[in-house]
Amino acid sequence: MVNGEQSHAQTQDREIESLDEFDRTVHGGTLDGYRLQSVDLTGRTDDLLRTDTSGAIFLGCPMEPAAADKVRADGAMVFPPVPNLPFDPYRGLLYSPDQLFEGLTEGGYETTPDARAYDWFERTKADGDIFASMLRSVHDDAISDALDELLVGTRVVGVMGGHAMARGTDAYAGAARLGRSLTRTGLTVATGGGPGAMEAANLGAYAACHPDGMLDEALELLAAAPSFAPSISDWARAAFDIRARWPKGDASVGVPTWFYGHEPPNAFASHIAKYFANATREDGLLARSNAGVIFLPGAAGTVQEIFDNATPNYYESRGEPTPMVLVDRVHWTERLPTWPLLQALARERSMESRIALVDSVDEAPEALARLTAA
């Protein structure tokens, strides 16, 4: 299970992503070969002036002019912070809900960093500006790096499903129970990070360390704001009220995108890897679900995710096939008959023993465990 901490000790690289890491490293007398990401060094001028920084790379690290001149003279590469952006392209860590929703209480969702980043994306995504395109790419690569660092050595189970699943419904409650059950078995739940089924699974993961009655109460309270439409602010505030009433929930991961920025991220994922490029986001989420994926009822997006996941399982391009559990027999055989095609693809291949179709969400954890042991 994700332990909620992202530190340099978790990785085998030479990245410095916090002042604490900087202070520990600089005592060794050299920063040669290190990459420093978005660390405010304006209070560390003396350290920089007396330390060998040749071969270092500074990505978006504010520093005093004297320090900047010295590290450049050493031969370090300096990529200065980019002004007037609503996001940090060089960030070293994933987002937290508090960071993306900062200002929600005072000014509403429209004033939050998440909303302002979406506005920036909408203004720049089609203007052909290579600088904006580069910033998006650098940001998304930094997010992927931070996500890999967080999940190293972790067994991740993906939970996919539609954004339209409303709070207060039996389906939402079932998805929340699923997230809680999976987390209690020691798995890290990862979702698309948005509303609906995704939020429900992240909520369930958050509730895993609390008594069972907490989830029942939370579901009842959230039902008062069933959807992010018409008011994202009311929808998000209801989630933060739950977090305040029952703090310190278990960790999980959300992987949303500003490509669908009209759908806000949910506040129950403790670690949020938000991308500009949806293709990078979708492929990365599925690729990191090394303990399998559970697919709740959804529409076109969920169907796409099923076959995005089936393809590497079919060709074994990522190694041994990982489990795939589809939930709701009627949905996946009659409404959107995805299951027969998945069965046909899997026939007489290694992935055949790694797929399952179940009638209800409560059957999914057992099915996942059975496929894992197969």
Protein backbone atom coordinates (compact mmCIF):
# COMPACT_ATOMS: atom_id res chain seq x y z
CA MET A 1 0.00 0.00 0.00
CA VAL A 2 1.17 3.51 -0.72
CA ASN A 3 2.54 4.93 2.51
CA GLY A 4 1.69 8.53 1.67
CA GLU A 5 5.31 9.71 1.52
CA GLN A 6 7.32 10.49 -1.59
CA SER A 7 11.00 10.79 -0.85
CA HIS A 8 14.34 10.56 -2.55
CA ALA A 9 15.00 7.40 -0.54
CA GLN A 10 12.25 5.63 -2.51
CA THR A 11 14.16 5.93 -5.76
CA GLN A 12 17.49 4.92 -7.20
CA ASP A 13 18.04 8.27 -8.94
CA ARG A 14 19.70 11.55 -8.02
CA GLU A 15 16.70 13.84 -7.86
CA ILE A 16 16.25 16.49 -5.17
CA GLU A 17 12.64 17.52 -4.72
CA SER A 18 12.52 19.27 -1.33
CA LEU A 19 14.60 21.53 0.89
CA ASP A 20 15.14 18.67 3.32
CA GLU A 21 16.66 16.59 0.53
CA PHE A 22 18.78 19.55 -0.53
CA ASP A 23 20.07 20.12 2.99
CA ARG A 24 21.00 16.46 3.42
CA THR A 25 22.74 16.28 0.05
CA VAL A 26 24.62 19.58 0.18
CA HIS A 27 26.39 18.48 3.36
CA GLY A 28 28.22 15.97 1.18
CA GLY A 29 30.02 18.87 -0.51
CA THR A 30 28.80 18.37 -4.05
CA LEU A 31 25.68 18.56 -6.15
CA ASP A 32 27.46 17.25 -9.23
CA GLY A 33 25.10 15.04 -11.21
CA TYR A 34 21.99 15.90 -9.22
CA ARG A 35 18.71 17.15 -10.67
CA LEU A 36 16.87 19.66 -8.51
CA GLN A 37 13.14 20.07 -9.22
CA SER A 38 11.13 23.09 -8.08
CA VAL A 39 13.02 23.65 -4.85
CA ASP A 40 13.00 27.25 -3.61
CA LEU A 41 16.71 27.95 -3.01
CA THR A 42 16.47 31.68 -2.31
CA GLY A 43 17.40 30.97 1.31
CA ARG A 44 20.31 28.67 0.43
CA THR A 45 22.66 31.11 -1.30
CA ASP A 46 25.60 30.44 1.03
CA ASP A 47 25.28 26.70 0.47
CA LEU A 48 25.25 27.14 -3.29
CA LEU A 49 28.23 29.49 -3.26
CA ARG A 50 30.44 27.00 -1.40
CA THR A 51 29.25 23.78 -3.05
CA ASP A 52 30.41 22.18 -6.30
CA THR A 53 27.41 22.36 -8.64
CA SER A 54 29.16 21.32 -11.85
CA GLY A 55 27.02 18.80 -13.68
CA ALA A 56 23.90 19.74 -11.72
CA ILE A 57 20.61 20.63 -13.40
CA PHE A 58 18.25 23.10 -11.75
CA LEU A 59 14.66 22.81 -12.97
CA GLY A 60 12.46 25.69 -11.91
CA CYS A 61 14.41 26.46 -8.72
CA PRO A 62 14.19 30.11 -7.59
CA MET A 63 17.55 31.42 -6.35
CA GLU A 64 19.32 34.72 -5.68
CA PRO A 65 21.18 36.30 -8.63
CA ALA A 66 24.59 35.67 -7.03
CA ALA A 67 23.80 31.99 -6.62
CA ALA A 68 22.43 31.71 -10.16
CA ASP A 69 25.58 33.34 -11.60
CA LYS A 70 27.82 31.01 -9.59
CA VAL A 71 26.09 27.74 -10.53
CA ARG A 72 26.07 28.74 -14.19
CA ALA A 73 29.78 29.50 -13.94
CA ASP A 74 30.27 26.02 -12.50
CA GLY A 75 28.74 24.60 -15.65
CA ALA A 76 25.36 23.71 -14.20
CA MET A 77 22.28 23.95 -16.38
CA VAL A 78 19.60 26.30 -15.05
CA PHE A 79 16.00 26.20 -16.26
CA PRO A 80 14.42 29.14 -14.43
CA PRO A 81 10.83 29.17 -13.18
CA VAL A 82 8.29 30.11 -15.85
CA PRO A 83 6.34 33.21 -14.80
CA ASN A 84 2.57 33.65 -15.00
CA LEU A 85 1.71 29.97 -15.21
CA PRO A 86 -1.08 28.43 -13.09
CA PHE A 87 0.99 25.23 -12.74
CA ASP A 88 4.62 24.26 -12.21
CA PRO A 89 5.98 22.35 -15.23
CA TYR A 90 8.99 21.09 -13.28
CA ARG A 91 7.18 19.84 -10.18
CA GLY A 92 8.86 16.94 -8.43
CA LEU A 93 5.86 15.50 -6.58
CA LEU A 94 2.29 14.59 -7.41
CA TYR A 95 -0.58 16.91 -6.53
CA SER A 96 -2.62 16.65 -3.37
CA PRO A 97 -6.34 17.51 -3.26
CA ASP A 98 -5.55 20.54 -1.10
CA GLN A 99 -3.14 21.87 -3.73
CA LEU A 100 -5.50 21.49 -6.68
CA PHE A 101 -8.49 22.90 -4.77
CA GLU A 102 -6.68 25.72 -2.97
CA GLY A 103 -9.04 28.68 -2.61
CA LEU A 104 -12.21 26.59 -2.96
CA THR A 105 -13.68 27.75 0.35
CA GLU A 106 -13.05 31.44 -0.24
CA GLY A 107 -13.62 31.91 -3.94
CA GLY A 108 -15.26 28.79 -5.32
CA TYR A 109 -13.88 26.24 -7.76
CA GLU A 110 -13.31 28.80 -10.51
CA THR A 111 -10.46 30.35 -8.50
CA THR A 112 -8.59 27.10 -7.78
CA PRO A 113 -5.29 26.08 -9.41
CA ASP A 114 -7.10 23.17 -11.06
CA ALA A 115 -9.64 25.44 -12.76
CA ARG A 116 -6.99 28.00 -13.75
CA ALA A 117 -4.78 25.29 -15.28
CA TYR A 118 -7.76 24.08 -17.32
CA ASP A 119 -8.44 27.64 -18.52
CA TRP A 120 -4.79 27.97 -19.58
CA PHE A 121 -4.98 24.64 -21.39
CA GLU A 122 -8.13 25.67 -23.23
CA ARG A 123 -6.47 28.93 -24.34
CA THR A 124 -3.24 27.35 -25.56
CA LYS A 125 -4.00 23.82 -26.77
CA ALA A 126 -4.91 24.86 -30.32
CA ASP A 127 -2.81 27.97 -30.91
CA GLY A 128 0.24 26.13 -32.27
CA ASP A 129 2.60 27.75 -29.77
CA ILE A 130 5.55 25.39 -29.41
CA PHE A 131 6.45 26.94 -26.06
CA ALA A 132 3.06 26.05 -24.54
CA SER A 133 3.29 22.58 -26.07
CA MET A 134 6.74 22.12 -24.56
CA LEU A 135 5.50 23.23 -21.13
CA ARG A 136 2.68 20.70 -21.24
CA SER A 137 5.07 17.94 -22.24
CA VAL A 138 7.62 18.82 -19.55
CA HIS A 139 4.87 18.92 -16.93
CA ASP A 140 3.44 15.54 -17.95
CA ASP A 141 6.87 13.91 -17.99
CA ALA A 142 7.55 15.26 -14.49
CA ILE A 143 4.21 13.84 -13.34
CA SER A 144 5.07 10.41 -14.77
CA ASP A 145 8.41 10.49 -13.00
CA ALA A 146 6.77 11.39 -9.69
CA LEU A 147 4.15 8.68 -10.14
CA ASP A 148 6.81 6.04 -10.77
CA GLU A 149 8.68 7.13 -7.65
CA LEU A 150 5.53 6.91 -5.56
CA LEU A 151 4.52 3.45 -6.76
CA VAL A 152 7.88 1.66 -6.74
CA GLY A 153 7.42 -1.75 -5.12
CA THR A 154 3.65 -1.23 -4.80
CA ARG A 155 0.89 -3.59 -5.96
CA VAL A 156 -1.59 -1.38 -7.81
CA VAL A 157 -5.11 -2.34 -8.84
CA GLY A 158 -6.91 -0.14 -11.32
CA VAL A 159 -10.62 0.57 -10.93
CA MET A 160 -12.23 1.95 -14.09
CA GLY A 161 -15.76 3.21 -14.57
CA GLY A 162 -17.90 6.04 -15.81
CA HIS A 163 -17.98 9.62 -14.56
CA ALA A 164 -21.79 9.75 -14.63
CA MET A 165 -22.30 7.42 -11.64
CA ALA A 166 -24.04 9.70 -9.14
CA ARG A 167 -23.54 9.90 -5.42
CA GLY A 168 -26.50 8.46 -3.54
CA THR A 169 -26.98 5.52 -5.93
CA ASP A 170 -26.51 1.83 -5.18
CA ALA A 171 -23.86 1.67 -7.92
CA TYR A 172 -21.82 4.44 -6.27
CA ALA A 173 -22.05 2.72 -2.88
CA GLY A 174 -20.94 -0.56 -4.45
CA ALA A 175 -17.91 1.06 -6.06
CA ALA A 176 -17.00 2.61 -2.72
CA ARG A 177 -17.23 -0.77 -0.97
CA LEU A 178 -15.00 -2.18 -3.68
CA GLY A 179 -12.32 0.45 -3.10
CA ARG A 180 -12.46 -0.19 0.64
CA SER A 181 -12.21 -3.96 0.23
CA LEU A 182 -9.26 -3.80 -2.16
CA THR A 183 -7.36 -1.38 0.07
CA ARG A 184 -7.89 -3.57 3.11
CA THR A 185 -6.20 -6.45 1.28
CA GLY A 186 -3.05 -4.36 0.93
CA LEU A 187 -3.52 -3.20 -2.66
CA THR A 188 -3.23 0.42 -3.78
CA VAL A 189 -6.32 1.56 -5.64
CA ALA A 190 -5.71 3.70 -8.73
CA THR A 191 -8.52 5.32 -10.71
CA GLY A 192 -8.97 7.86 -13.46
CA GLY A 193 -9.22 10.40 -10.67
CA GLY A 194 -12.48 12.02 -11.69
CA PRO A 195 -16.08 11.93 -10.42
CA GLY A 196 -18.56 9.06 -10.51
CA ALA A 197 -17.21 5.53 -10.20
CA MET A 198 -13.69 6.89 -9.93
CA GLU A 199 -14.51 9.07 -6.95
CA ALA A 200 -16.44 6.24 -5.30
CA ALA A 201 -13.46 3.86 -5.48
CA ASN A 202 -11.09 6.52 -4.11
CA LEU A 203 -13.61 7.29 -1.33
CA GLY A 204 -13.73 3.61 -0.41
CA ALA A 205 -9.95 3.47 -0.26
CA TYR A 206 -9.92 6.58 1.93
CA ALA A 207 -12.45 4.92 4.28
CA ALA A 208 -10.53 1.65 4.62
CA CYS A 209 -8.78 2.59 7.87
CA HIS A 210 -11.97 3.87 9.49
CA PRO A 211 -14.78 1.80 11.08
CA ASP A 212 -17.28 0.39 8.61
CA GLY A 213 -19.99 2.81 9.70
CA MET A 214 -17.93 5.77 8.53
CA LEU A 215 -18.46 4.87 4.86
CA ASP A 216 -22.21 4.50 5.34
CA GLU A 217 -22.39 7.96 6.92
CA ALA A 218 -20.16 9.49 4.28
CA LEU A 219 -22.28 8.08 1.47
CA GLU A 220 -25.42 9.55 3.02
CA LEU A 221 -23.85 12.98 3.45
CA LEU A 222 -22.40 13.07 -0.07
CA ALA A 223 -25.79 12.27 -1.58
CA ALA A 224 -26.84 15.85 -0.87
CA ALA A 225 -24.53 16.94 -3.73
CA PRO A 226 -24.99 14.04 -6.16
CA SER A 227 -23.09 15.43 -9.15
CA PHE A 228 -20.47 17.99 -10.12
CA ALA A 229 -23.17 19.61 -12.26
CA PRO A 230 -24.48 22.23 -11.87
CA SER A 231 -22.00 23.28 -9.14
CA ILE A 232 -18.48 21.88 -8.97
CA SER A 233 -17.94 24.05 -5.88
CA ASP A 234 -20.79 22.43 -3.92
CA TRP A 235 -19.74 18.96 -5.09
CA ALA A 236 -16.12 19.47 -4.05
CA ARG A 237 -16.96 21.14 -0.73
CA ALA A 238 -19.06 18.12 0.23
CA ALA A 239 -16.02 15.89 -0.27
CA PHE A 240 -13.76 18.16 1.77
CA ASP A 241 -16.35 18.17 4.54
CA ILE A 242 -16.06 14.37 4.68
CA ARG A 243 -12.26 14.59 4.79
CA ALA A 244 -12.45 17.12 7.65
CA ARG A 245 -14.92 15.02 9.63
CA TRP A 246 -12.89 11.82 9.17
CA PRO A 247 -9.28 12.90 8.61
CA LYS A 248 -6.25 10.76 7.81
CA GLY A 249 -7.85 8.28 5.44
CA ASP A 250 -5.93 5.60 3.60
CA ALA A 251 -3.97 6.47 0.49
CA SER A 252 -4.95 5.91 -3.12
CA VAL A 253 -4.08 7.35 -6.51
CA GLY A 254 -6.11 9.39 -9.00
CA VAL A 255 -4.91 9.95 -12.57
CA PRO A 256 -7.18 12.59 -14.16
CA THR A 257 -6.61 14.90 -17.12
CA TRP A 258 -7.18 18.52 -18.07
CA PHE A 259 -8.17 17.21 -21.51
CA TYR A 260 -11.51 16.49 -19.82
CA GLY A 261 -11.14 19.49 -17.57
CA HIS A 262 -14.88 20.09 -17.33
CA GLU A 263 -14.82 16.98 -15.09
CA PRO A 264 -13.03 17.96 -11.87
CA PRO A 265 -10.66 15.66 -10.00
CA ASN A 266 -12.04 14.04 -6.89
CA ALA A 267 -10.77 14.96 -3.44
CA PHE A 268 -10.49 11.42 -2.02
CA ALA A 269 -7.38 10.33 -3.93
CA SER A 270 -4.45 11.24 -1.70
CA HIS A 271 -2.04 11.42 -4.65
CA ILE A 272 -3.20 13.00 -7.90
CA ALA A 273 -1.23 12.59 -11.13
CA LYS A 274 -2.99 15.08 -13.37
CA TYR A 275 -1.97 15.25 -17.02
CA PHE A 276 -2.57 17.50 -19.98
CA ALA A 277 -2.22 14.64 -22.51
CA ASN A 278 -5.07 12.16 -22.10
CA ALA A 279 -3.36 9.41 -24.10
CA THR A 280 -0.33 9.54 -21.81
CA ARG A 281 -2.61 9.50 -18.79
CA GLU A 282 -4.70 6.50 -19.91
CA ASP A 283 -1.80 4.35 -21.01
CA GLY A 284 0.18 5.20 -17.88
CA LEU A 285 -2.67 4.36 -15.54
CA LEU A 286 -3.24 0.96 -17.10
CA ALA A 287 0.46 0.16 -17.38
CA ARG A 288 0.98 0.83 -13.67
CA SER A 289 -1.97 -1.37 -12.62
CA ASN A 290 0.32 -4.34 -12.09
CA ALA A 291 -2.15 -6.22 -9.86
CA GLY A 292 -4.93 -6.07 -12.44
CA VAL A 293 -7.86 -3.88 -13.42
CA ILE A 294 -11.53 -3.99 -12.45
CA PHE A 295 -13.92 -2.46 -14.98
CA LEU A 296 -17.20 -1.14 -13.60
CA PRO A 297 -20.08 -0.31 -15.95
CA GLY A 298 -19.21 2.62 -18.20
CA ALA A 299 -19.60 3.91 -21.72
CA ALA A 300 -17.16 4.64 -24.55
CA GLY A 301 -14.27 5.68 -22.31
CA THR A 302 -14.43 2.49 -20.26
CA VAL A 303 -14.75 0.33 -23.38
CA GLN A 304 -11.62 2.00 -24.74
CA GLU A 305 -9.80 1.28 -21.47
CA ILE A 306 -10.77 -2.39 -21.61
CA PHE A 307 -9.12 -2.87 -24.96
CA ASP A 308 -6.21 -0.57 -24.15
CA ASN A 309 -5.55 -3.03 -21.34
CA ALA A 310 -6.33 -6.15 -23.37
CA THR A 311 -3.82 -5.34 -26.11
CA PRO A 312 -0.61 -5.68 -24.04
CA ASN A 313 -2.14 -8.72 -22.32
CA TYR A 314 -2.81 -10.27 -25.74
CA TYR A 315 0.73 -9.65 -27.01
CA GLU A 316 2.34 -9.98 -23.55
CA SER A 317 4.28 -6.82 -24.35
CA ARG A 318 4.44 -5.95 -20.65
CA GLY A 319 5.19 -9.49 -19.57
CA GLU A 320 2.71 -11.92 -18.07
CA PRO A 321 -0.93 -10.88 -18.57
CA THR A 322 -2.54 -9.13 -15.63
CA PRO A 323 -6.06 -9.86 -14.35
CA MET A 324 -9.08 -8.16 -15.90
CA VAL A 325 -12.44 -8.31 -14.10
CA LEU A 326 -15.57 -6.93 -15.79
CA VAL A 327 -18.47 -6.14 -13.45
CA ASP A 328 -22.17 -6.42 -14.45
CA ARG A 329 -22.95 -9.27 -16.82
CA VAL A 330 -25.95 -7.58 -18.43
CA HIS A 331 -24.02 -4.39 -19.11
CA TRP A 332 -21.02 -6.09 -20.74
CA THR A 333 -22.93 -8.78 -22.67
CA GLU A 334 -26.12 -6.95 -23.75
CA ARG A 335 -25.90 -3.15 -23.42
CA LEU A 336 -22.28 -2.94 -24.58
CA PRO A 337 -21.29 -6.53 -25.57
CA THR A 338 -17.61 -6.16 -24.85
CA TRP A 339 -17.22 -9.46 -23.01
CA PRO A 340 -17.73 -11.78 -26.02
CA LEU A 341 -15.02 -9.97 -27.98
CA LEU A 342 -12.65 -10.05 -25.01
CA GLN A 343 -13.29 -13.78 -24.65
CA ALA A 344 -12.61 -14.32 -28.36
CA LEU A 345 -9.32 -12.42 -28.15
CA ALA A 346 -8.21 -14.37 -25.09
CA ARG A 347 -9.07 -17.84 -26.39
CA GLU A 348 -6.09 -20.23 -26.30
CA ARG A 349 -3.75 -17.50 -25.10
CA SER A 350 -2.15 -16.90 -21.71
CA MET A 351 -4.63 -14.15 -20.95
CA GLU A 352 -7.57 -16.58 -21.12
CA SER A 353 -7.08 -17.55 -17.47
CA ARG A 354 -6.76 -13.90 -16.45
CA ILE A 355 -10.17 -12.55 -17.46
CA ALA A 356 -13.47 -12.82 -15.59
CA LEU A 357 -17.02 -11.51 -15.78
CA VAL A 358 -19.03 -11.17 -12.56
CA ASP A 359 -22.61 -10.15 -11.87
CA SER A 360 -22.05 -7.75 -8.96
CA VAL A 361 -19.35 -5.46 -7.67
CA ASP A 362 -19.18 -7.40 -4.40
CA GLU A 363 -17.89 -10.43 -6.33
CA ALA A 364 -14.99 -8.49 -7.89
CA PRO A 365 -12.36 -8.79 -5.10
CA GLU A 366 -12.71 -12.58 -4.97
CA ALA A 367 -12.55 -12.81 -8.75
CA LEU A 368 -9.41 -10.68 -8.79
CA ALA A 369 -7.77 -12.90 -6.16
CA ARG A 370 -8.72 -16.02 -8.14
CA LEU A 371 -7.25 -14.67 -11.38
CA THR A 372 -4.09 -13.56 -9.60
CA ALA A 373 -3.55 -17.10 -8.32
CA ALA A 374 -4.26 -18.68 -11.72
